[in-house]
């Protein structure tokens, strides 16, 4: 055997042996580089601060969102990312308008309120009516005879977001069916300092009159409940200028590191750029989208060129429509079989704990190998669970999903409120989120094997 043939055989054997190594062994050095680079400075936090301080909150349809999109694309080009562009999406355009709530009896005082997203407004002069406070739908049914012409307040304490948010989403529908003229809810919040929380509501039944919906601060809702328990008459004046305009043009922002061997295969890493129209949208979800962007920029800066393309997507319109995720699915439907994984951060960039994986059970051990690379920063957890909203339309068609899990202790203190501002985020915790997303995206984009798609239920 010639020396050249012997050398090639040795290299082939070495390559085969490396390919059989656990991922946490094979990618330890690259993961360490990414983690160290992410933790070396506060560049992600500083970039997010620049964005949120300059443009503020970014509701779909607003000039602020579109100006932010322009800025993000300019910055991505300066970073040297490839194929930077906006993909057009039509989004809802809801406008809050002037709004207020005032307690008239048993004493006069302004209430801390915020209109719920997508609500209709009140008549021009507002609505003045007595208030009935209930703690459940059964209680509303029991008091149905009293409800006509009243304002219904749902004072339901926070248990979990998934359980409590239904009052925000459908409370106005239940109140309207009982004959009420408006619906109020206790803010969907695990803690409050008189900061009411907004969020989307729906009118799913076209046969029921649409009535206005708003949230009161936790403190004010509890106060009105105490007043009712004492037998006091509660009377409130509610004024809301909320209205919907025709759908408006927006864009998902897309940028890439192009794969070195399989450029048509894609790992998406993402967050959503829009926010509600209060606060700065720093936690929800400016931090998530900047962390995804920074994760890809780190790969590019370190000269890490994975086999597959890593595509950062800044979604539009997660908060009141998820049109960005739906639009991406539709625009890329023919290529979704080449989408290897869809990663999203939308739980705030607090201390990362690991990921939730939505994909085949058979792939979970492999994903846990990847998670072990993140144990040095305390983010080594990998469990089965649901992906996030924007990547949901892709996941529904079989694309595996990964959601960044963080310490959510304080997330619902600030969620959808004026308190969602930069000071709530810690630079080091955000840098750890960048590291977690960078390592997960890079390893999946570069590893020899892939993650099988799950066949959608309707296609089985």
Protein backbone atom coordinates (compact mmCIF):
# COMPACT_ATOMS: atom_id res chain seq x y z
CA UNK A 1 0.00 0.00 0.00
CA UNK A 2 1.43 3.38 -0.97
CA UNK A 3 1.99 6.05 1.67
CA UNK A 4 -0.73 8.21 0.07
CA UNK A 5 -3.31 5.41 0.15
CA UNK A 6 -2.38 4.61 3.74
CA UNK A 7 -2.80 8.25 4.72
CA UNK A 8 -6.21 8.47 3.06
CA UNK A 9 -7.32 5.27 4.79
CA UNK A 10 -6.18 6.63 8.14
CA UNK A 11 -8.03 9.89 7.58
CA UNK A 12 -11.17 8.02 6.55
CA UNK A 13 -11.04 5.89 9.69
CA UNK A 14 -10.49 8.97 11.84
CA UNK A 15 -13.38 10.74 10.18
CA UNK A 16 -15.64 7.72 10.70
CA UNK A 17 -14.66 7.49 14.35
CA UNK A 18 -15.32 11.20 14.87
CA UNK A 19 -18.73 10.89 13.25
CA UNK A 20 -19.64 8.20 15.77
CA UNK A 21 -18.64 10.30 18.78
CA UNK A 22 -21.44 11.71 20.96
CA UNK A 23 -22.25 15.26 19.89
CA UNK A 24 -21.22 16.68 23.25
CA UNK A 25 -17.75 15.20 22.72
CA UNK A 26 -17.39 16.05 19.04
CA UNK A 27 -18.50 19.70 19.41
CA UNK A 28 -17.06 20.55 22.82
CA UNK A 29 -14.34 22.84 21.47
CA UNK A 30 -16.66 24.78 19.14
CA UNK A 31 -19.31 25.08 21.85
CA UNK A 32 -16.72 26.43 24.28
CA UNK A 33 -15.64 29.05 21.75
CA UNK A 34 -19.22 30.17 21.20
CA UNK A 35 -19.96 30.33 24.91
CA UNK A 36 -16.80 32.27 25.69
CA UNK A 37 -17.45 34.72 22.86
CA UNK A 38 -21.05 35.26 23.98
CA UNK A 39 -20.02 35.91 27.59
CA UNK A 40 -17.04 38.11 26.72
CA UNK A 41 -19.04 41.34 26.58
CA UNK A 42 -22.54 42.84 26.66
CA UNK A 43 -22.91 43.39 22.93
CA UNK A 44 -26.31 41.69 22.72
CA UNK A 45 -27.75 43.72 25.60
CA UNK A 46 -26.25 46.93 24.21
CA UNK A 47 -27.72 46.30 20.77
CA UNK A 48 -31.15 45.60 22.27
CA UNK A 49 -30.91 48.78 24.36
CA UNK A 50 -30.08 50.79 21.24
CA UNK A 51 -33.05 49.32 19.39
CA UNK A 52 -35.62 49.70 22.15
CA UNK A 53 -34.46 53.15 23.24
CA UNK A 54 -34.47 54.41 19.65
CA UNK A 55 -37.75 52.93 18.42
CA UNK A 56 -39.75 52.04 21.53
CA UNK A 57 -42.64 49.62 21.33
CA UNK A 58 -43.52 48.13 17.97
CA UNK A 59 -47.14 47.11 17.43
CA UNK A 60 -48.06 45.59 14.06
CA UNK A 61 -49.08 48.27 11.59
CA UNK A 62 -47.09 51.00 13.34
CA UNK A 63 -44.38 53.18 11.84
CA UNK A 64 -42.17 52.21 14.80
CA UNK A 65 -42.20 48.55 13.76
CA UNK A 66 -41.39 49.29 10.13
CA UNK A 67 -38.60 51.72 11.03
CA UNK A 68 -37.17 49.05 13.36
CA UNK A 69 -37.27 46.50 10.54
CA UNK A 70 -35.32 48.88 8.28
CA UNK A 71 -32.73 49.44 11.01
CA UNK A 72 -32.34 45.72 11.74
CA UNK A 73 -31.69 44.93 8.07
CA UNK A 74 -29.12 47.72 7.82
CA UNK A 75 -27.33 46.44 10.93
CA UNK A 76 -27.37 42.85 9.70
CA UNK A 77 -25.72 43.93 6.47
CA UNK A 78 -23.05 45.78 8.47
CA UNK A 79 -22.49 42.55 10.41
CA UNK A 80 -21.68 40.80 7.14
CA UNK A 81 -24.60 38.38 7.20
CA UNK A 82 -25.73 37.02 3.84
CA UNK A 83 -29.01 37.27 1.93
CA UNK A 84 -30.46 39.97 4.20
CA UNK A 85 -33.99 40.82 3.08
CA UNK A 86 -37.55 41.41 4.18
CA UNK A 87 -40.31 38.97 3.21
CA UNK A 88 -43.65 40.77 2.80
CA UNK A 89 -46.56 39.96 5.12
CA UNK A 90 -49.89 41.75 5.57
CA UNK A 91 -50.62 42.31 9.27
CA UNK A 92 -53.51 43.56 11.40
CA UNK A 93 -53.49 47.27 12.19
CA UNK A 94 -55.27 47.90 15.48
CA UNK A 95 -55.07 51.33 17.12
CA UNK A 96 -55.60 51.82 20.85
CA UNK A 97 -56.73 55.43 20.86
CA UNK A 98 -57.47 57.39 24.03
CA UNK A 99 -58.80 55.31 26.90
CA UNK A 100 -59.70 55.62 30.56
CA UNK A 101 -61.73 54.04 33.32
CA UNK A 102 -63.11 55.95 36.27
CA UNK A 103 -64.76 54.65 39.40
CA UNK A 104 -67.84 56.78 40.16
CA UNK A 105 -69.27 54.89 43.14
CA UNK A 106 -68.84 54.10 45.96
CA UNK A 107 -66.19 56.82 45.55
CA UNK A 108 -64.64 58.74 42.69
CA UNK A 109 -61.16 57.74 41.49
CA UNK A 110 -59.35 56.88 38.27
CA UNK A 111 -58.74 53.19 37.72
CA UNK A 112 -55.54 51.71 36.34
CA UNK A 113 -56.74 50.18 33.07
CA UNK A 114 -55.54 49.21 29.63
CA UNK A 115 -57.62 48.18 26.65
CA UNK A 116 -57.21 44.64 25.40
CA UNK A 117 -55.70 44.24 21.97
CA UNK A 118 -58.19 43.93 19.08
CA UNK A 119 -61.05 45.21 21.25
CA UNK A 120 -63.73 47.42 19.82
CA UNK A 121 -64.09 50.86 21.31
CA UNK A 122 -66.90 52.32 23.35
CA UNK A 123 -69.45 54.73 21.88
CA UNK A 124 -68.07 58.29 21.64
CA UNK A 125 -69.39 59.29 25.04
CA UNK A 126 -68.13 56.14 26.71
CA UNK A 127 -70.12 53.65 28.77
CA UNK A 128 -71.37 54.30 32.29
CA UNK A 129 -72.78 51.25 34.08
CA UNK A 130 -72.84 49.30 37.30
CA UNK A 131 -70.23 46.57 37.71
CA UNK A 132 -70.74 42.93 38.67
CA UNK A 133 -67.61 41.12 39.85
CA UNK A 134 -67.38 37.37 39.24
CA UNK A 135 -64.64 34.83 39.79
CA UNK A 136 -65.71 32.17 37.32
CA UNK A 137 -68.00 31.44 34.39
CA UNK A 138 -70.27 29.45 36.72
CA UNK A 139 -70.65 32.53 38.91
CA UNK A 140 -71.50 34.59 35.85
CA UNK A 141 -74.17 32.07 34.88
CA UNK A 142 -75.57 32.12 38.40
CA UNK A 143 -75.88 35.90 38.23
CA UNK A 144 -77.04 35.98 34.63
CA UNK A 145 -80.29 37.74 35.46
CA UNK A 146 -78.34 40.69 36.88
CA UNK A 147 -75.82 40.97 34.06
CA UNK A 148 -77.87 42.69 31.36
CA UNK A 149 -76.74 46.28 30.85
CA UNK A 150 -73.87 45.91 33.33
CA UNK A 151 -70.08 45.82 33.08
CA UNK A 152 -68.74 42.39 34.06
CA UNK A 153 -65.40 42.24 35.88
CA UNK A 154 -63.69 38.83 35.89
CA UNK A 155 -61.50 38.84 39.01
CA UNK A 156 -59.65 35.58 38.45
CA UNK A 157 -56.29 35.16 40.23
CA UNK A 158 -53.26 34.10 38.18
CA UNK A 159 -52.51 30.38 38.37
CA UNK A 160 -50.66 29.75 35.11
CA UNK A 161 -50.64 31.71 31.89
CA UNK A 162 -52.26 28.90 29.93
CA UNK A 163 -55.12 28.64 32.40
CA UNK A 164 -55.71 32.30 33.25
CA UNK A 165 -55.24 33.86 29.81
CA UNK A 166 -58.56 32.44 28.60
CA UNK A 167 -60.35 35.19 30.55
CA UNK A 168 -58.45 37.79 28.56
CA UNK A 169 -59.08 36.00 25.28
CA UNK A 170 -62.78 35.16 25.65
CA UNK A 171 -64.05 37.11 28.66
CA UNK A 172 -65.81 39.68 26.48
CA UNK A 173 -67.60 36.91 24.62
CA UNK A 174 -68.91 35.36 27.85
CA UNK A 175 -69.97 38.77 29.16
CA UNK A 176 -71.71 39.69 25.89
CA UNK A 177 -73.66 36.44 25.90
CA UNK A 178 -74.95 37.41 29.34
CA UNK A 179 -76.11 40.79 28.02
CA UNK A 180 -73.30 42.91 29.47
CA UNK A 181 -72.20 46.15 27.80
CA UNK A 182 -68.47 45.78 28.51
CA UNK A 183 -66.01 43.33 30.04
CA UNK A 184 -63.13 43.97 32.40
CA UNK A 185 -60.57 41.43 33.58
CA UNK A 186 -58.04 41.30 36.36
CA UNK A 187 -54.70 41.58 34.57
CA UNK A 188 -53.12 38.27 33.62
CA UNK A 189 -50.14 38.86 35.88
CA UNK A 190 -48.37 36.97 38.65
CA UNK A 191 -47.37 40.21 40.39
CA UNK A 192 -48.42 43.82 40.04
CA UNK A 193 -47.45 47.34 40.99
CA UNK A 194 -50.52 49.00 39.47
CA UNK A 195 -49.28 48.12 35.97
CA UNK A 196 -52.21 46.66 33.98
CA UNK A 197 -51.35 44.14 31.26
CA UNK A 198 -52.77 44.08 27.75
CA UNK A 199 -52.83 41.22 25.22
CA UNK A 200 -55.02 39.94 22.43
CA UNK A 201 -58.69 39.14 22.80
CA UNK A 202 -61.02 37.56 20.24
CA UNK A 203 -64.60 37.75 19.01
CA UNK A 204 -65.00 34.20 17.67
CA UNK A 205 -68.81 34.19 17.55
CA UNK A 206 -70.17 36.57 14.90
CA UNK A 207 -73.72 36.17 16.24
CA UNK A 208 -72.83 37.84 19.55
CA UNK A 209 -72.57 41.61 19.90
CA UNK A 210 -68.97 42.81 20.17
CA UNK A 211 -68.44 44.66 23.44
CA UNK A 212 -65.29 46.45 24.64
CA UNK A 213 -62.74 44.56 26.71
CA UNK A 214 -60.12 46.01 29.03
CA UNK A 215 -57.85 44.95 31.89
CA UNK A 216 -57.62 46.50 35.33
CA UNK A 217 -54.55 46.30 37.52
CA UNK A 218 -54.58 43.41 39.97
CA UNK A 219 -54.92 45.89 42.83
CA UNK A 220 -57.93 47.68 41.38
CA UNK A 221 -59.72 44.45 40.46
CA UNK A 222 -59.30 43.14 43.99
CA UNK A 223 -60.51 46.44 45.44
CA UNK A 224 -63.73 46.35 43.39
CA UNK A 225 -64.27 42.75 44.50
CA UNK A 226 -63.95 43.79 48.14
CA UNK A 227 -66.42 46.61 47.59
CA UNK A 228 -68.95 44.19 46.13
CA UNK A 229 -68.45 41.79 49.07
CA UNK A 230 -69.40 44.63 51.42
CA UNK A 231 -72.62 45.16 49.48
CA UNK A 232 -71.55 48.48 47.96
CA UNK A 233 -72.82 49.58 44.56
CA UNK A 234 -69.98 49.82 42.03
CA UNK A 235 -70.37 52.19 39.09
CA UNK A 236 -67.73 52.81 36.44
CA UNK A 237 -67.32 55.05 33.40
CA UNK A 238 -65.32 53.36 30.62
CA UNK A 239 -64.05 55.21 27.52
CA UNK A 240 -62.04 53.51 24.78
CA UNK A 241 -61.10 54.86 21.37
CA UNK A 242 -59.90 51.49 20.06
CA UNK A 243 -60.49 50.72 16.40
CA UNK A 244 -59.17 48.54 13.59
CA UNK A 245 -57.76 49.88 10.32
CA UNK A 246 -57.26 47.87 7.11
CA UNK A 247 -54.41 45.36 7.16
CA UNK A 248 -50.99 46.95 6.66
CA UNK A 249 -47.82 45.76 4.90
CA UNK A 250 -44.97 44.48 7.06
CA UNK A 251 -42.03 42.09 6.72
CA UNK A 252 -40.27 39.16 8.32
CA UNK A 253 -36.55 39.94 8.39
CA UNK A 254 -34.29 37.13 7.13
CA UNK A 255 -30.48 36.84 7.16
CA UNK A 256 -28.14 33.87 6.88
CA UNK A 257 -24.84 32.13 7.21
CA UNK A 258 -24.89 29.97 4.09
CA UNK A 259 -24.12 26.29 4.60
CA UNK A 260 -20.73 25.07 3.43
CA UNK A 261 -21.92 21.66 2.16
CA UNK A 262 -25.72 21.54 2.27
CA UNK A 263 -26.84 25.14 1.76
CA UNK A 264 -30.39 24.11 0.88
CA UNK A 265 -30.86 22.58 4.34
CA UNK A 266 -31.86 25.19 6.92
CA UNK A 267 -31.81 25.68 10.67
CA UNK A 268 -34.01 28.63 11.68
CA UNK A 269 -33.12 30.60 14.82
CA UNK A 270 -35.60 33.32 15.68
CA UNK A 271 -37.62 35.68 17.86
CA UNK A 272 -40.39 38.17 17.11
CA UNK A 273 -39.73 41.84 16.48
CA UNK A 274 -43.21 43.23 17.08
CA UNK A 275 -44.49 44.04 20.57
CA UNK A 276 -47.53 45.51 22.24
CA UNK A 277 -47.87 49.28 22.21
CA UNK A 278 -46.76 49.82 25.82
CA UNK A 279 -43.33 49.73 27.42
CA UNK A 280 -40.37 49.04 25.15
CA UNK A 281 -41.00 45.44 24.14
CA UNK A 282 -37.55 44.64 25.53
CA UNK A 283 -38.40 41.37 27.25
CA UNK A 284 -41.22 40.38 24.87
CA UNK A 285 -39.62 39.86 22.49
CA UNK A 286 -36.90 42.29 21.50
CA UNK A 287 -34.49 40.29 23.63
CA UNK A 288 -35.40 37.03 21.93
CA UNK A 289 -34.91 38.34 18.42
CA UNK A 290 -31.62 40.08 19.24
CA UNK A 291 -30.35 36.93 20.98
CA UNK A 292 -31.11 34.89 17.86
CA UNK A 293 -29.44 37.51 15.67
CA UNK A 294 -26.39 37.68 17.93
CA UNK A 295 -26.12 33.87 17.95
CA UNK A 296 -25.74 33.85 14.17
CA UNK A 297 -23.40 36.85 14.20
CA UNK A 298 -21.11 35.02 16.64
CA UNK A 299 -20.78 32.04 14.29
CA UNK A 300 -19.94 34.40 11.47
CA UNK A 301 -17.41 36.34 13.57
CA UNK A 302 -15.69 33.17 14.81
CA UNK A 303 -15.42 31.74 11.31
CA UNK A 304 -17.67 28.77 12.10
CA UNK A 305 -19.27 27.69 8.83
CA UNK A 306 -21.63 24.76 9.44
CA UNK A 307 -22.63 22.30 6.78
CA UNK A 308 -26.17 23.64 6.66
CA UNK A 309 -27.49 27.19 6.38
CA UNK A 310 -28.33 28.95 9.63
CA UNK A 311 -31.12 31.44 9.02
CA UNK A 312 -32.05 34.10 11.56
CA UNK A 313 -35.67 35.24 11.25
CA UNK A 314 -37.12 38.29 13.02
CA UNK A 315 -40.84 37.61 12.92
CA UNK A 316 -43.50 40.25 12.48
CA UNK A 317 -46.95 40.18 14.09
CA UNK A 318 -46.67 37.51 16.75
CA UNK A 319 -48.68 39.45 19.30
CA UNK A 320 -52.00 39.94 17.55
CA UNK A 321 -52.18 37.56 14.65
CA UNK A 322 -49.06 35.37 14.11
CA UNK A 323 -49.19 36.43 10.47
CA UNK A 324 -45.38 36.38 10.28
CA UNK A 325 -45.13 32.68 11.08
CA UNK A 326 -48.02 31.85 8.78
CA UNK A 327 -46.54 33.94 5.97
CA UNK A 328 -43.16 32.25 6.27
CA UNK A 329 -44.79 28.82 6.18
CA UNK A 330 -46.69 29.74 3.03
CA UNK A 331 -43.72 31.38 1.29
CA UNK A 332 -41.39 28.44 2.07
CA UNK A 333 -43.82 25.55 2.00
CA UNK A 334 -41.99 23.86 -0.88
CA UNK A 335 -38.71 23.95 1.11
CA UNK A 336 -39.99 22.90 4.53
CA UNK A 337 -38.82 19.33 3.99
CA UNK A 338 -35.29 20.83 4.00
CA UNK A 339 -35.88 22.74 7.26
CA UNK A 340 -33.95 20.71 9.82
CA UNK A 341 -34.99 22.61 12.98
CA UNK A 342 -36.91 25.77 13.94
CA UNK A 343 -35.64 27.48 17.12
CA UNK A 344 -37.38 30.39 18.82
CA UNK A 345 -36.88 32.44 21.97
CA UNK A 346 -40.06 34.10 23.29
CA UNK A 347 -39.98 33.76 27.07
CA UNK A 348 -37.74 36.69 27.90
CA UNK A 349 -33.95 36.51 27.88
CA UNK A 350 -33.64 35.66 31.55
CA UNK A 351 -31.30 32.99 32.94
CA UNK A 352 -31.48 30.08 30.43
CA UNK A 353 -32.27 26.61 31.74
CA UNK A 354 -32.31 24.63 28.50
CA UNK A 355 -34.79 23.85 25.74
CA UNK A 356 -38.16 22.30 25.00
CA UNK A 357 -37.99 19.94 22.04
CA UNK A 358 -40.97 19.26 19.80
CA UNK A 359 -40.06 16.43 17.49
CA UNK A 360 -39.70 12.64 17.31
CA UNK A 361 -39.12 10.87 20.62
CA UNK A 362 -36.33 8.94 18.91
CA UNK A 363 -34.34 12.18 18.51
CA UNK A 364 -34.54 13.24 22.16
CA UNK A 365 -31.35 11.37 23.24
CA UNK A 366 -29.40 13.13 20.48
CA UNK A 367 -30.85 16.51 21.50
CA UNK A 368 -29.80 15.80 25.08
CA UNK A 369 -26.24 15.27 23.86
CA UNK A 370 -26.38 18.80 22.48
CA UNK A 371 -27.82 20.12 25.73
CA UNK A 372 -24.90 18.70 27.69
CA UNK A 373 -22.68 21.20 25.88
CA UNK A 374 -24.58 23.93 27.74
CA UNK A 375 -24.10 22.55 31.24
CA UNK A 376 -21.23 25.00 31.94
CA UNK A 377 -23.77 27.87 31.79
CA UNK A 378 -26.55 25.99 33.58
CA UNK A 379 -28.64 25.49 30.44
CA UNK A 380 -28.26 21.75 30.01
CA UNK A 381 -31.91 20.75 30.25
CA UNK A 382 -33.66 19.22 27.22
CA UNK A 383 -37.25 18.04 27.63
CA UNK A 384 -40.18 17.30 25.38
CA UNK A 385 -42.57 20.24 25.06
CA UNK A 386 -44.29 22.62 22.69
CA UNK A 387 -42.47 25.05 20.42
CA UNK A 388 -43.24 28.77 20.23
CA UNK A 389 -45.99 30.55 18.32
CA UNK A 390 -44.11 31.86 15.28
CA UNK A 391 -42.49 28.54 14.40
CA UNK A 392 -45.75 26.75 15.20
CA UNK A 393 -47.04 26.77 11.59
CA UNK A 394 -43.83 25.01 10.46
CA UNK A 395 -43.95 22.56 13.34
CA UNK A 396 -47.54 21.70 12.42
CA UNK A 397 -46.19 20.52 9.05
CA UNK A 398 -43.58 18.30 10.63
CA UNK A 399 -40.53 20.55 11.13
CA UNK A 400 -38.90 19.82 14.52
CA UNK A 401 -39.01 22.73 16.94
CA UNK A 402 -36.89 23.98 19.82
CA UNK A 403 -37.97 26.62 22.37
CA UNK A 404 -35.54 28.31 24.72
CA UNK A 405 -36.54 27.72 28.36
CA UNK A 406 -35.55 30.37 30.89
CA UNK A 407 -36.16 31.20 34.53
CA UNK A 408 -39.66 32.61 34.15
CA UNK A 409 -40.09 33.73 37.76
CA UNK A 410 -40.61 37.38 36.84
CA UNK A 411 -41.79 37.11 33.25
CA UNK A 412 -45.46 37.67 34.04
CA UNK A 413 -44.64 40.59 36.29
CA UNK A 414 -43.86 42.66 33.20
CA UNK A 415 -45.52 40.81 30.31
CA UNK A 416 -47.57 43.06 27.96
CA UNK A 417 -47.29 46.04 30.29
CA UNK A 418 -45.57 49.41 30.49
CA UNK A 419 -43.00 47.72 32.77
CA UNK A 420 -41.48 45.72 29.88
CA UNK A 421 -38.36 47.89 29.66
CA UNK A 422 -34.61 47.36 29.30
CA UNK A 423 -33.81 47.64 33.00
CA UNK A 424 -35.58 44.32 33.64
CA UNK A 425 -32.93 42.42 31.68
CA UNK A 426 -29.48 41.44 32.90
CA UNK A 427 -26.62 41.61 30.36
CA UNK A 428 -25.01 38.38 31.57
CA UNK A 429 -28.27 36.43 31.51
CA UNK A 430 -28.97 37.67 27.99
CA UNK A 431 -25.44 36.67 26.92
CA UNK A 432 -26.11 33.15 28.25
CA UNK A 433 -29.26 33.01 26.13
CA UNK A 434 -27.18 33.98 23.10
CA UNK A 435 -24.73 31.21 23.92
CA UNK A 436 -27.48 28.61 24.31
CA UNK A 437 -29.08 29.47 20.99
CA UNK A 438 -25.73 29.69 19.19
CA UNK A 439 -24.57 26.27 20.36
CA UNK A 440 -27.88 24.54 19.63
CA UNK A 441 -28.19 26.09 16.17
CA UNK A 442 -24.57 25.50 15.20
CA UNK A 443 -24.40 21.85 16.25
CA UNK A 444 -27.67 20.92 14.52
CA UNK A 445 -26.56 22.80 11.41
CA UNK A 446 -23.19 21.05 11.31
CA UNK A 447 -23.76 17.52 12.65
CA UNK A 448 -23.55 14.66 10.13
CA UNK A 449 -27.04 13.33 10.81
CA UNK A 450 -30.35 15.12 10.92
CA UNK A 451 -33.62 15.13 12.86
CA UNK A 452 -36.48 13.26 11.17
CA UNK A 453 -39.64 15.21 10.46
CA UNK A 454 -42.82 14.10 12.16
CA UNK A 455 -45.64 13.37 9.75
CA UNK A 456 -48.49 15.85 10.38
CA UNK A 457 -51.59 14.11 11.84
CA UNK A 458 -53.75 14.81 8.80
CA UNK A 459 -51.16 13.17 6.51
CA UNK A 460 -50.70 9.96 8.53
